[in-house]
Every structure is written in structure tokens, then in C-alpha cells.
Amino acid sequence: MKRLILLCSIALISYIIYYDLSAGTLPAPARDAVYASAPGPEETEKTYKELTVQSGESVLMLINRVNQHSIPVPLEEAAEDFERLNPGAEASSIRIGQTYKFPLYE
């Protein structure tokens, strides 16, 4: 009897492993199609101002200064715009003495 239970257990585990590897048990994430398009007038005319970072300044502080003390977009979007203008630079880790491009908003 023990051998029969062991054989059935091994067969069940083998089938489960086979099914999991071939068909899978987790649903596949839906992938949306991404279409490439030419940049619109807002993207091509985006302006910026270059500033050199001084001690004690942050990205949001400098964006605020460049835009006359008002940022018309959410702070996360402003940080993303900064990172888009400065490839390889992170908004959370800028270096003192480096010159970066800061977005201007209208």
C-alpha cells in the first residue's frame, strides 16, 4: 500500500512539474502595443535653462527658481522632466559644481 501511495505521489508531482513548465499556472501579463510617432510641438519646443549646482541646492529648488517660484506640474513629473533632459543623471543624486539642464514651464 505504501508503494502505491508513493508511486501515485511521484506521478502527481511529475505531472504538476510538467504542466507548470509547459503551460504555466500564472496568467501572462497583457502587453500593450507601443506605436512610435514623431514628437509633437510640445516635446520639440520644450525649453530649459542650464544652471550649475551649488552646495545645499536640490533639483526641485532649482526648478522652482528657474520658473519664478511656481511649478505648474506635479513634483514627480518635474523630476522626470529633469531626468529626461539630463540622460544618466538622477534627480535624487546631483553633484555640486556640475551643470545640468532644468525644465522651463509656461
PDB file of N, CA and C in Angstrom:
ATOM      1  N   MET A   1       0.807  -1.192   0.000  1.00  0.00           N
ATOM      2  CA  MET A   1       0.000   0.000   0.000  1.00  0.00           C
ATOM      3  C   MET A   1       0.859   1.269   0.000  1.00  0.00           C
ATOM      4  N   LYS A   2       1.955   1.235   0.784  1.00  0.00           N
ATOM      5  CA  LYS A   2       2.837   2.383   0.848  1.00  0.00           C
ATOM      6  C   LYS A   2       3.491   2.638  -0.509  1.00  0.00           C
ATOM      7  N   ARG A   3       3.832   1.572  -1.202  1.00  0.00           N
ATOM      8  CA  ARG A   3       4.460   1.718  -2.522  1.00  0.00           C
ATOM      9  C   ARG A   3       3.479   2.345  -3.520  1.00  0.00           C
ATOM     10  N   LEU A   4       2.206   1.969  -3.431  1.00  0.00           N
ATOM     11  CA  LEU A   4       1.184   2.532  -4.326  1.00  0.00           C
ATOM     12  C   LEU A   4       1.004   4.032  -4.066  1.00  0.00           C
ATOM     13  N   ILE A   5       0.959   4.430  -2.806  1.00  0.00           N
ATOM     14  CA  ILE A   5       0.828   5.851  -2.457  1.00  0.00           C
ATOM     15  C   ILE A   5       2.064   6.614  -2.919  1.00  0.00           C
ATOM     16  N   LEU A   6       3.243   6.040  -2.721  1.00  0.00           N
ATOM     17  CA  LEU A   6       4.488   6.682  -3.155  1.00  0.00           C
ATOM     18  C   LEU A   6       4.512   6.825  -4.674  1.00  0.00           C
ATOM     19  N   LEU A   7       4.112   5.800  -5.397  1.00  0.00           N
ATOM     20  CA  LEU A   7       4.084   5.847  -6.859  1.00  0.00           C
ATOM     21  C   LEU A   7       3.094   6.891  -7.362  1.00  0.00           C
ATOM     22  N   CYS A   8       1.912   6.951  -6.736  1.00  0.00           N
ATOM     23  CA  CYS A   8       0.909   7.955  -7.132  1.00  0.00           C
ATOM     24  C   CYS A   8       1.402   9.366  -6.819  1.00  0.00           C
ATOM     25  N   SER A   9       2.074   9.547  -5.688  1.00  0.00           N
ATOM     26  CA  SER A   9       2.618  10.859  -5.321  1.00  0.00           C
ATOM     27  C   SER A   9       3.674  11.310  -6.320  1.00  0.00           C
ATOM     28  N   ILE A  10       4.567  10.415  -6.683  1.00  0.00           N
ATOM     29  CA  ILE A  10       5.620  10.747  -7.657  1.00  0.00           C
ATOM     30  C   ILE A  10       5.003  11.076  -9.008  1.00  0.00           C
ATOM     31  N   ALA A  11       3.989  10.320  -9.441  1.00  0.00           N
ATOM     32  CA  ALA A  11       3.320  10.586 -10.711  1.00  0.00           C
ATOM     33  C   ALA A  11       2.619  11.940 -10.670  1.00  0.00           C
ATOM     34  N   LEU A  12       1.946  12.253  -9.570  1.00  0.00           N
ATOM     35  CA  LEU A  12       1.247  13.532  -9.438  1.00  0.00           C
ATOM     36  C   LEU A  12       2.237  14.694  -9.450  1.00  0.00           C
ATOM     37  N   ILE A  13       3.318  14.570  -8.705  1.00  0.00           N
ATOM     38  CA  ILE A  13       4.330  15.638  -8.659  1.00  0.00           C
ATOM     39  C   ILE A  13       4.968  15.820 -10.037  1.00  0.00           C
ATOM     40  N   SER A  14       5.228  14.736 -10.736  1.00  0.00           N
ATOM     41  CA  SER A  14       5.809  14.829 -12.085  1.00  0.00           C
ATOM     42  C   SER A  14       4.864  15.542 -13.034  1.00  0.00           C
ATOM     43  N   TYR A  15       3.559  15.214 -12.966  1.00  0.00           N
ATOM     44  CA  TYR A  15       2.584  15.874 -13.829  1.00  0.00           C
ATOM     45  C   TYR A  15       2.485  17.366 -13.504  1.00  0.00           C
ATOM     46  N   ILE A  16       2.497  17.695 -12.211  1.00  0.00           N
ATOM     47  CA  ILE A  16       2.415  19.099 -11.808  1.00  0.00           C
ATOM     48  C   ILE A  16       3.613  19.873 -12.341  1.00  0.00           C
ATOM     49  N   ILE A  17       4.804  19.307 -12.223  1.00  0.00           N
ATOM     50  CA  ILE A  17       6.008  19.983 -12.725  1.00  0.00           C
ATOM     51  C   ILE A  17       5.937  20.126 -14.241  1.00  0.00           C
ATOM     52  N   TYR A  18       5.517  19.058 -14.939  1.00  0.00           N
ATOM     53  CA  TYR A  18       5.392  19.127 -16.397  1.00  0.00           C
ATOM     54  C   TYR A  18       4.404  20.214 -16.824  1.00  0.00           C
ATOM     55  N   TYR A  19       3.235  20.238 -16.185  1.00  0.00           N
ATOM     56  CA  TYR A  19       2.212  21.226 -16.538  1.00  0.00           C
ATOM     57  C   TYR A  19       2.689  22.647 -16.239  1.00  0.00           C
ATOM     58  N   ASP A  20       3.355  22.822 -15.116  1.00  0.00           N
ATOM     59  CA  ASP A  20       3.836  24.157 -14.725  1.00  0.00           C
ATOM     60  C   ASP A  20       4.887  24.666 -15.706  1.00  0.00           C
ATOM     61  N   LEU A  21       5.763  23.791 -16.169  1.00  0.00           N
ATOM     62  CA  LEU A  21       6.806  24.221 -17.099  1.00  0.00           C
ATOM     63  C   LEU A  21       6.297  24.404 -18.522  1.00  0.00           C
ATOM     64  N   SER A  22       5.308  23.618 -18.929  1.00  0.00           N
ATOM     65  CA  SER A  22       4.837  23.733 -20.314  1.00  0.00           C
ATOM     66  C   SER A  22       3.752  24.791 -20.484  1.00  0.00           C
ATOM     67  N   ALA A  23       2.701  24.744 -19.684  1.00  0.00           N
ATOM     68  CA  ALA A  23       1.586  25.688 -19.847  1.00  0.00           C
ATOM     69  C   ALA A  23       1.657  26.828 -18.852  1.00  0.00           C
ATOM     70  N   GLY A  24       2.183  26.587 -17.696  1.00  0.00           N
ATOM     71  CA  GLY A  24       2.271  27.625 -16.675  1.00  0.00           C
ATOM     72  C   GLY A  24       0.975  27.754 -15.912  1.00  0.00           C
ATOM     73  N   THR A  25       1.081  28.275 -14.697  1.00  0.00           N
ATOM     74  CA  THR A  25      -0.105  28.448 -13.868  1.00  0.00           C
ATOM     75  C   THR A  25      -0.412  29.911 -13.600  1.00  0.00           C
ATOM     76  N   LEU A  26       0.544  30.800 -13.873  1.00  0.00           N
ATOM     77  CA  LEU A  26       0.317  32.219 -13.675  1.00  0.00           C
ATOM     78  C   LEU A  26      -0.126  32.856 -14.980  1.00  0.00           C
ATOM     79  N   PRO A  27      -1.077  33.776 -14.917  1.00  0.00           N
ATOM     80  CA  PRO A  27      -1.512  34.438 -16.154  1.00  0.00           C
ATOM     81  C   PRO A  27      -0.394  35.335 -16.692  1.00  0.00           C
ATOM     82  N   ALA A  28      -0.257  35.344 -17.994  1.00  0.00           N
ATOM     83  CA  ALA A  28       0.744  36.190 -18.640  1.00  0.00           C
ATOM     84  C   ALA A  28       0.266  37.637 -18.612  1.00  0.00           C
ATOM     85  N   PRO A  29       1.165  38.575 -18.338  1.00  0.00           N
ATOM     86  CA  PRO A  29       0.744  39.984 -18.328  1.00  0.00           C
ATOM     87  C   PRO A  29       0.348  40.435 -19.721  1.00  0.00           C
ATOM     88  N   ALA A  30      -0.681  41.243 -19.780  1.00  0.00           N
ATOM     89  CA  ALA A  30      -1.130  41.775 -21.065  1.00  0.00           C
ATOM     90  C   ALA A  30      -0.125  42.816 -21.536  1.00  0.00           C
ATOM     91  N   ARG A  31       0.259  42.729 -22.767  1.00  0.00           N
ATOM     92  CA  ARG A  31       1.222  43.674 -23.322  1.00  0.00           C
ATOM     93  C   ARG A  31       0.505  44.613 -24.282  1.00  0.00           C
ATOM     94  N   ASP A  32       0.636  45.881 -24.002  1.00  0.00           N
ATOM     95  CA  ASP A  32       0.029  46.876 -24.868  1.00  0.00           C
ATOM     96  C   ASP A  32       0.979  47.194 -26.008  1.00  0.00           C
ATOM     97  N   ALA A  33       0.408  47.441 -27.157  1.00  0.00           N
ATOM     98  CA  ALA A  33       1.216  47.815 -28.307  1.00  0.00           C
ATOM     99  C   ALA A  33       1.712  49.245 -28.123  1.00  0.00           C
ATOM    100  N   VAL A  34       2.951  49.453 -28.480  1.00  0.00           N
ATOM    101  CA  VAL A  34       3.536  50.781 -28.389  1.00  0.00           C
ATOM    102  C   VAL A  34       3.815  51.248 -29.810  1.00  0.00           C
ATOM    103  N   TYR A  35       3.255  52.366 -30.165  1.00  0.00           N
ATOM    104  CA  TYR A  35       3.434  52.898 -31.504  1.00  0.00           C
ATOM    105  C   TYR A  35       4.405  54.074 -31.459  1.00  0.00           C
ATOM    106  N   ALA A  36       5.345  54.044 -32.358  1.00  0.00           N
ATOM    107  CA  ALA A  36       6.297  55.141 -32.432  1.00  0.00           C
ATOM    108  C   ALA A  36       5.689  56.264 -33.259  1.00  0.00           C
ATOM    109  N   SER A  37       5.905  57.482 -32.801  1.00  0.00           N
ATOM    110  CA  SER A  37       5.403  58.623 -33.546  1.00  0.00           C
ATOM    111  C   SER A  37       6.389  59.764 -33.416  1.00  0.00           C
ATOM    112  N   ALA A  38       6.260  60.694 -34.293  1.00  0.00           N
ATOM    113  CA  ALA A  38       7.125  61.871 -34.251  1.00  0.00           C
ATOM    114  C   ALA A  38       6.733  62.719 -33.051  1.00  0.00           C
ATOM    115  N   PRO A  39       7.696  63.370 -32.424  1.00  0.00           N
ATOM    116  CA  PRO A  39       7.358  64.198 -31.272  1.00  0.00           C
ATOM    117  C   PRO A  39       6.454  65.354 -31.666  1.00  0.00           C
ATOM    118  N   GLY A  40       5.524  65.665 -30.784  1.00  0.00           N
ATOM    119  CA  GLY A  40       4.591  66.755 -31.031  1.00  0.00           C
ATOM    120  C   GLY A  40       5.252  68.097 -30.797  1.00  0.00           C
ATOM    121  N   PRO A  41       4.534  69.175 -31.056  1.00  0.00           N
ATOM    122  CA  PRO A  41       5.128  70.502 -30.894  1.00  0.00           C
ATOM    123  C   PRO A  41       5.517  70.797 -29.453  1.00  0.00           C
ATOM    124  N   GLU A  42       4.801  70.196 -28.477  1.00  0.00           N
ATOM    125  CA  GLU A  42       5.148  70.437 -27.084  1.00  0.00           C
ATOM    126  C   GLU A  42       6.496  69.821 -26.745  1.00  0.00           C
ATOM    127  N   GLU A  43       6.791  68.658 -27.305  1.00  0.00           N
ATOM    128  CA  GLU A  43       8.031  67.979 -26.971  1.00  0.00           C
ATOM    129  C   GLU A  43       9.237  68.610 -27.661  1.00  0.00           C
ATOM    130  N   THR A  44       9.076  69.090 -28.884  1.00  0.00           N
ATOM    131  CA  THR A  44      10.212  69.660 -29.592  1.00  0.00           C
ATOM    132  C   THR A  44      10.524  71.069 -29.125  1.00  0.00           C
ATOM    133  N   GLU A  45       9.544  71.781 -28.600  1.00  0.00           N
ATOM    134  CA  GLU A  45       9.749  73.158 -28.184  1.00  0.00           C
ATOM    135  C   GLU A  45       9.982  73.291 -26.683  1.00  0.00           C
ATOM    136  N   LYS A  46      10.185  72.167 -25.995  1.00  0.00           N
ATOM    137  CA  LYS A  46      10.433  72.230 -24.566  1.00  0.00           C
ATOM    138  C   LYS A  46      11.722  72.980 -24.332  1.00  0.00           C
ATOM    139  N   THR A  47      11.664  73.954 -23.491  1.00  0.00           N
ATOM    140  CA  THR A  47      12.839  74.768 -23.239  1.00  0.00           C
ATOM    141  C   THR A  47      13.433  74.406 -21.895  1.00  0.00           C
ATOM    142  N   TYR A  48      14.670  74.793 -21.718  1.00  0.00           N
ATOM    143  CA  TYR A  48      15.353  74.520 -20.479  1.00  0.00           C
ATOM    144  C   TYR A  48      16.360  75.627 -20.210  1.00  0.00           C
ATOM    145  N   LYS A  49      16.867  75.637 -18.998  1.00  0.00           N
ATOM    146  CA  LYS A  49      17.892  76.589 -18.620  1.00  0.00           C
ATOM    147  C   LYS A  49      18.996  75.806 -17.924  1.00  0.00           C
ATOM    148  N   GLU A  50      20.240  76.099 -18.273  1.00  0.00           N
ATOM    149  CA  GLU A  50      21.372  75.409 -17.660  1.00  0.00           C
ATOM    150  C   GLU A  50      21.838  76.168 -16.431  1.00  0.00           C
ATOM    151  N   LEU A  51      22.014  75.445 -15.334  1.00  0.00           N
ATOM    152  CA  LEU A  51      22.498  76.025 -14.089  1.00  0.00           C
ATOM    153  C   LEU A  51      23.563  75.118 -13.501  1.00  0.00           C
ATOM    154  N   THR A  52      24.491  75.712 -12.760  1.00  0.00           N
ATOM    155  CA  THR A  52      25.494  74.956 -12.032  1.00  0.00           C
ATOM    156  C   THR A  52      25.014  74.809 -10.595  1.00  0.00           C
ATOM    157  N   VAL A  53      25.063  73.598 -10.089  1.00  0.00           N
ATOM    158  CA  VAL A  53      24.556  73.292  -8.757  1.00  0.00           C
ATOM    159  C   VAL A  53      25.544  73.779  -7.698  1.00  0.00           C
ATOM    160  N   GLN A  54      25.005  74.497  -6.718  1.00  0.00           N
ATOM    161  CA  GLN A  54      25.787  74.967  -5.573  1.00  0.00           C
ATOM    162  C   GLN A  54      25.478  74.078  -4.365  1.00  0.00           C
ATOM    163  N   SER A  55      26.241  74.221  -3.324  1.00  0.00           N
ATOM    164  CA  SER A  55      26.051  73.442  -2.107  1.00  0.00           C
ATOM    165  C   SER A  55      24.687  73.743  -1.485  1.00  0.00           C
ATOM    166  N   GLY A  56      23.968  72.693  -1.095  1.00  0.00           N
ATOM    167  CA  GLY A  56      22.679  72.856  -0.427  1.00  0.00           C
ATOM    168  C   GLY A  56      21.489  72.979  -1.352  1.00  0.00           C
ATOM    169  N   GLU A  57      21.687  72.907  -2.658  1.00  0.00           N
ATOM    170  CA  GLU A  57      20.579  73.048  -3.609  1.00  0.00           C
ATOM    171  C   GLU A  57      20.094  71.674  -4.048  1.00  0.00           C
ATOM    172  N   SER A  58      18.796  71.590  -4.296  1.00  0.00           N
ATOM    173  CA  SER A  58      18.202  70.357  -4.799  1.00  0.00           C
ATOM    174  C   SER A  58      17.599  70.624  -6.178  1.00  0.00           C
ATOM    175  N   VAL A  59      17.233  69.559  -6.855  1.00  0.00           N
ATOM    176  CA  VAL A  59      16.645  69.686  -8.192  1.00  0.00           C
ATOM    177  C   VAL A  59      15.359  70.496  -8.134  1.00  0.00           C
ATOM    178  N   LEU A  60      14.484  70.181  -7.194  1.00  0.00           N
ATOM    179  CA  LEU A  60      13.202  70.882  -7.118  1.00  0.00           C
ATOM    180  C   LEU A  60      13.387  72.344  -6.738  1.00  0.00           C
ATOM    181  N   MET A  61      14.376  72.632  -5.909  1.00  0.00           N
ATOM    182  CA  MET A  61      14.658  74.019  -5.541  1.00  0.00           C
ATOM    183  C   MET A  61      15.104  74.813  -6.773  1.00  0.00           C
ATOM    184  N   LEU A  62      15.947  74.201  -7.606  1.00  0.00           N
ATOM    185  CA  LEU A  62      16.437  74.897  -8.800  1.00  0.00           C
ATOM    186  C   LEU A  62      15.346  75.025  -9.862  1.00  0.00           C
ATOM    187  N   ILE A  63      14.512  74.006 -10.021  1.00  0.00           N
ATOM    188  CA  ILE A  63      13.392  74.106 -10.969  1.00  0.00           C
ATOM    189  C   ILE A  63      12.439  75.207 -10.515  1.00  0.00           C
ATOM    190  N   ASN A  64      12.230  75.289  -9.217  1.00  0.00           N
ATOM    191  CA  ASN A  64      11.372  76.336  -8.655  1.00  0.00           C
ATOM    192  C   ASN A  64      11.963  77.718  -8.947  1.00  0.00           C
ATOM    193  N   ARG A  65      13.268  77.876  -8.787  1.00  0.00           N
ATOM    194  CA  ARG A  65      13.919  79.166  -9.039  1.00  0.00           C
ATOM    195  C   ARG A  65      13.866  79.528 -10.528  1.00  0.00           C
ATOM    196  N   VAL A  66      14.088  78.566 -11.401  1.00  0.00           N
ATOM    197  CA  VAL A  66      14.083  78.814 -12.843  1.00  0.00           C
ATOM    198  C   VAL A  66      12.706  79.256 -13.325  1.00  0.00           C
ATOM    199  N   ASN A  67      11.657  78.736 -12.703  1.00  0.00           N
ATOM    200  CA  ASN A  67      10.282  79.030 -13.111  1.00  0.00           C
ATOM    201  C   ASN A  67       9.628  80.115 -12.262  1.00  0.00           C
ATOM    202  N   GLN A  68      10.391  81.021 -11.729  1.00  0.00           N
ATOM    203  CA  GLN A  68       9.903  82.145 -10.923  1.00  0.00           C
ATOM    204  C   GLN A  68       9.016  81.679  -9.761  1.00  0.00           C
ATOM    205  N   HIS A  69       9.484  80.719  -8.998  1.00  0.00           N
ATOM    206  CA  HIS A  69       8.846  80.241  -7.768  1.00  0.00           C
ATOM    207  C   HIS A  69       7.459  79.653  -7.977  1.00  0.00           C
ATOM    208  N   SER A  70       7.249  79.005  -9.109  1.00  0.00           N
ATOM    209  CA  SER A  70       6.000  78.265  -9.308  1.00  0.00           C
ATOM    210  C   SER A  70       6.255  77.134 -10.297  1.00  0.00           C
ATOM    211  N   ILE A  71       5.857  75.942  -9.912  1.00  0.00           N
ATOM    212  CA  ILE A  71       5.981  74.774 -10.785  1.00  0.00           C
ATOM    213  C   ILE A  71       4.565  74.318 -11.107  1.00  0.00           C
ATOM    214  N   PRO A  72       4.109  74.470 -12.365  1.00  0.00           N
ATOM    215  CA  PRO A  72       2.721  74.154 -12.710  1.00  0.00           C
ATOM    216  C   PRO A  72       2.439  72.667 -12.916  1.00  0.00           C
ATOM    217  N   VAL A  73       3.430  71.807 -12.698  1.00  0.00           N
ATOM    218  CA  VAL A  73       3.243  70.367 -12.870  1.00  0.00           C
ATOM    219  C   VAL A  73       3.515  69.682 -11.532  1.00  0.00           C
ATOM    220  N   PRO A  74       3.044  68.433 -11.369  1.00  0.00           N
ATOM    221  CA  PRO A  74       3.357  67.703 -10.136  1.00  0.00           C
ATOM    222  C   PRO A  74       4.875  67.527  -9.975  1.00  0.00           C
ATOM    223  N   LEU A  75       5.315  67.419  -8.741  1.00  0.00           N
ATOM    224  CA  LEU A  75       6.745  67.334  -8.464  1.00  0.00           C
ATOM    225  C   LEU A  75       7.391  66.104  -9.103  1.00  0.00           C
ATOM    226  N   GLU A  76       6.664  64.975  -9.144  1.00  0.00           N
ATOM    227  CA  GLU A  76       7.208  63.767  -9.768  1.00  0.00           C
ATOM    228  C   GLU A  76       7.458  64.004 -11.255  1.00  0.00           C
ATOM    229  N   GLU A  77       6.535  64.704 -11.911  1.00  0.00           N
ATOM    230  CA  GLU A  77       6.688  64.992 -13.336  1.00  0.00           C
ATOM    231  C   GLU A  77       7.862  65.934 -13.580  1.00  0.00           C
ATOM    232  N   ALA A  78       8.061  66.892 -12.690  1.00  0.00           N
ATOM    233  CA  ALA A  78       9.192  67.806 -12.819  1.00  0.00           C
ATOM    234  C   ALA A  78      10.508  67.048 -12.688  1.00  0.00           C
ATOM    235  N   ALA A  79      10.564  66.092 -11.758  1.00  0.00           N
ATOM    236  CA  ALA A  79      11.771  65.284 -11.598  1.00  0.00           C
ATOM    237  C   ALA A  79      12.003  64.406 -12.823  1.00  0.00           C
ATOM    238  N   GLU A  80      10.933  63.857 -13.410  1.00  0.00           N
ATOM    239  CA  GLU A  80      11.066  63.049 -14.625  1.00  0.00           C
ATOM    240  C   GLU A  80      11.535  63.901 -15.796  1.00  0.00           C
ATOM    241  N   ASP A  81      11.038  65.130 -15.911  1.00  0.00           N
ATOM    242  CA  ASP A  81      11.476  66.027 -16.971  1.00  0.00           C
ATOM    243  C   ASP A  81      12.961  66.358 -16.820  1.00  0.00           C
ATOM    244  N   PHE A  82      13.416  66.561 -15.586  1.00  0.00           N
ATOM    245  CA  PHE A  82      14.833  66.810 -15.336  1.00  0.00           C
ATOM    246  C   PHE A  82      15.668  65.622 -15.803  1.00  0.00           C
ATOM    247  N   GLU A  83      15.231  64.408 -15.470  1.00  0.00           N
ATOM    248  CA  GLU A  83      15.980  63.212 -15.861  1.00  0.00           C
ATOM    249  C   GLU A  83      15.957  63.005 -17.367  1.00  0.00           C
ATOM    250  N   ARG A  84      14.872  63.426 -18.044  1.00  0.00           N
ATOM    251  CA  ARG A  84      14.806  63.330 -19.498  1.00  0.00           C
ATOM    252  C   ARG A  84      15.782  64.303 -20.157  1.00  0.00           C
ATOM    253  N   LEU A  85      15.910  65.494 -19.591  1.00  0.00           N
ATOM    254  CA  LEU A  85      16.827  66.492 -20.149  1.00  0.00           C
ATOM    255  C   LEU A  85      18.287  66.145 -19.879  1.00  0.00           C
ATOM    256  N   ASN A  86      18.544  65.394 -18.819  1.00  0.00           N
ATOM    257  CA  ASN A  86      19.901  65.048 -18.416  1.00  0.00           C
ATOM    258  C   ASN A  86      20.040  63.529 -18.360  1.00  0.00           C
ATOM    259  N   PRO A  87      20.251  62.889 -19.504  1.00  0.00           N
ATOM    260  CA  PRO A  87      20.377  61.430 -19.507  1.00  0.00           C
ATOM    261  C   PRO A  87      21.531  60.982 -18.605  1.00  0.00           C
ATOM    262  N   GLY A  88      21.276  59.972 -17.814  1.00  0.00           N
ATOM    263  CA  GLY A  88      22.292  59.445 -16.912  1.00  0.00           C
ATOM    264  C   GLY A  88      22.312  60.109 -15.553  1.00  0.00           C
ATOM    265  N   ALA A  89      21.597  61.204 -15.375  1.00  0.00           N
ATOM    266  CA  ALA A  89      21.549  61.897 -14.090  1.00  0.00           C
ATOM    267  C   ALA A  89      20.235  61.560 -13.390  1.00  0.00           C
ATOM    268  N   GLU A  90      20.306  61.345 -12.093  1.00  0.00           N
ATOM    269  CA  GLU A  90      19.109  61.096 -11.304  1.00  0.00           C
ATOM    270  C   GLU A  90      18.773  62.342 -10.512  1.00  0.00           C
ATOM    271  N   ALA A  91      17.503  62.637 -10.405  1.00  0.00           N
ATOM    272  CA  ALA A  91      17.066  63.834  -9.688  1.00  0.00           C
ATOM    273  C   ALA A  91      17.432  63.770  -8.210  1.00  0.00           C
ATOM    274  N   SER A  92      17.552  62.566  -7.673  1.00  0.00           N
ATOM    275  CA  SER A  92      17.843  62.426  -6.242  1.00  0.00           C
ATOM    276  C   SER A  92      19.336  62.500  -5.926  1.00  0.00           C
ATOM    277  N   SER A  93      20.182  62.470  -6.938  1.00  0.00           N
ATOM    278  CA  SER A  93      21.627  62.491  -6.658  1.00  0.00           C
ATOM    279  C   SER A  93      22.358  63.363  -7.674  1.00  0.00           C
ATOM    280  N   ILE A  94      22.268  64.678  -7.481  1.00  0.00           N
ATOM    281  CA  ILE A  94      23.010  65.598  -8.340  1.00  0.00           C
ATOM    282  C   ILE A  94      24.302  65.987  -7.622  1.00  0.00           C
ATOM    283  N   ARG A  95      25.290  66.407  -8.394  1.00  0.00           N
ATOM    284  CA  ARG A  95      26.593  66.729  -7.826  1.00  0.00           C
ATOM    285  C   ARG A  95      26.836  68.228  -7.797  1.00  0.00           C
ATOM    286  N   ILE A  96      27.447  68.673  -6.743  1.00  0.00           N
ATOM    287  CA  ILE A  96      27.800  70.080  -6.591  1.00  0.00           C
ATOM    288  C   ILE A  96      28.852  70.429  -7.633  1.00  0.00           C
ATOM    289  N   GLY A  97      28.687  71.571  -8.289  1.00  0.00           N
ATOM    290  CA  GLY A  97      29.635  72.039  -9.292  1.00  0.00           C
ATOM    291  C   GLY A  97      29.340  71.565 -10.710  1.00  0.00           C
ATOM    292  N   GLN A  98      28.417  70.620 -10.869  1.00  0.00           N
ATOM    293  CA  GLN A  98      28.034  70.131 -12.192  1.00  0.00           C
ATOM    294  C   GLN A  98      26.979  71.055 -12.784  1.00  0.00           C
ATOM    295  N   THR A  99      26.970  71.164 -14.102  1.00  0.00           N
ATOM    296  CA  THR A  99      25.964  71.957 -14.803  1.00  0.00           C
ATOM    297  C   THR A  99      24.909  71.014 -15.364  1.00  0.00           C
ATOM    298  N   TYR A 100      23.645  71.302 -15.078  1.00  0.00           N
ATOM    299  CA  TYR A 100      22.522  70.494 -15.537  1.00  0.00           C
ATOM    300  C   TYR A 100      21.517  71.376 -16.256  1.00  0.00           C
ATOM    301  N   LYS A 101      20.652  70.736 -17.041  1.00  0.00           N
ATOM    302  CA  LYS A 101      19.555  71.423 -17.717  1.00  0.00           C
ATOM    303  C   LYS A 101      18.309  71.275 -16.860  1.00  0.00           C
ATOM    304  N   PHE A 102      17.637  72.402 -16.582  1.00  0.00           N
ATOM    305  CA  PHE A 102      16.425  72.416 -15.776  1.00  0.00           C
ATOM    306  C   PHE A 102      15.258  72.870 -16.648  1.00  0.00           C
ATOM    307  N   PRO A 103      14.130  72.146 -16.607  1.00  0.00           N
ATOM    308  CA  PRO A 103      12.997  72.458 -17.498  1.00  0.00           C
ATOM    309  C   PRO A 103      12.327  73.786 -17.141  1.00  0.00           C
ATOM    310  N   LEU A 104      11.923  74.505 -18.184  1.00  0.00           N
ATOM    311  CA  LEU A 104      11.132  75.714 -18.028  1.00  0.00           C
ATOM    312  C   LEU A 104       9.684  75.380 -18.389  1.00  0.00           C
ATOM    313  N   TYR A 105       8.751  75.823 -17.558  1.00  0.00           N
ATOM    314  CA  TYR A 105       7.330  75.586 -17.811  1.00  0.00           C
ATOM    315  C   TYR A 105       6.647  76.929 -18.048  1.00  0.00           C
ATOM    316  N   GLU A 106       5.633  76.900 -18.894  1.00  0.00           N
ATOM    317  CA  GLU A 106       4.891  78.126 -19.189  1.00  0.00           C
ATOM    318  C   GLU A 106       3.578  78.140 -18.471  1.00  0.00           C
TER     319      GLU A 106
END
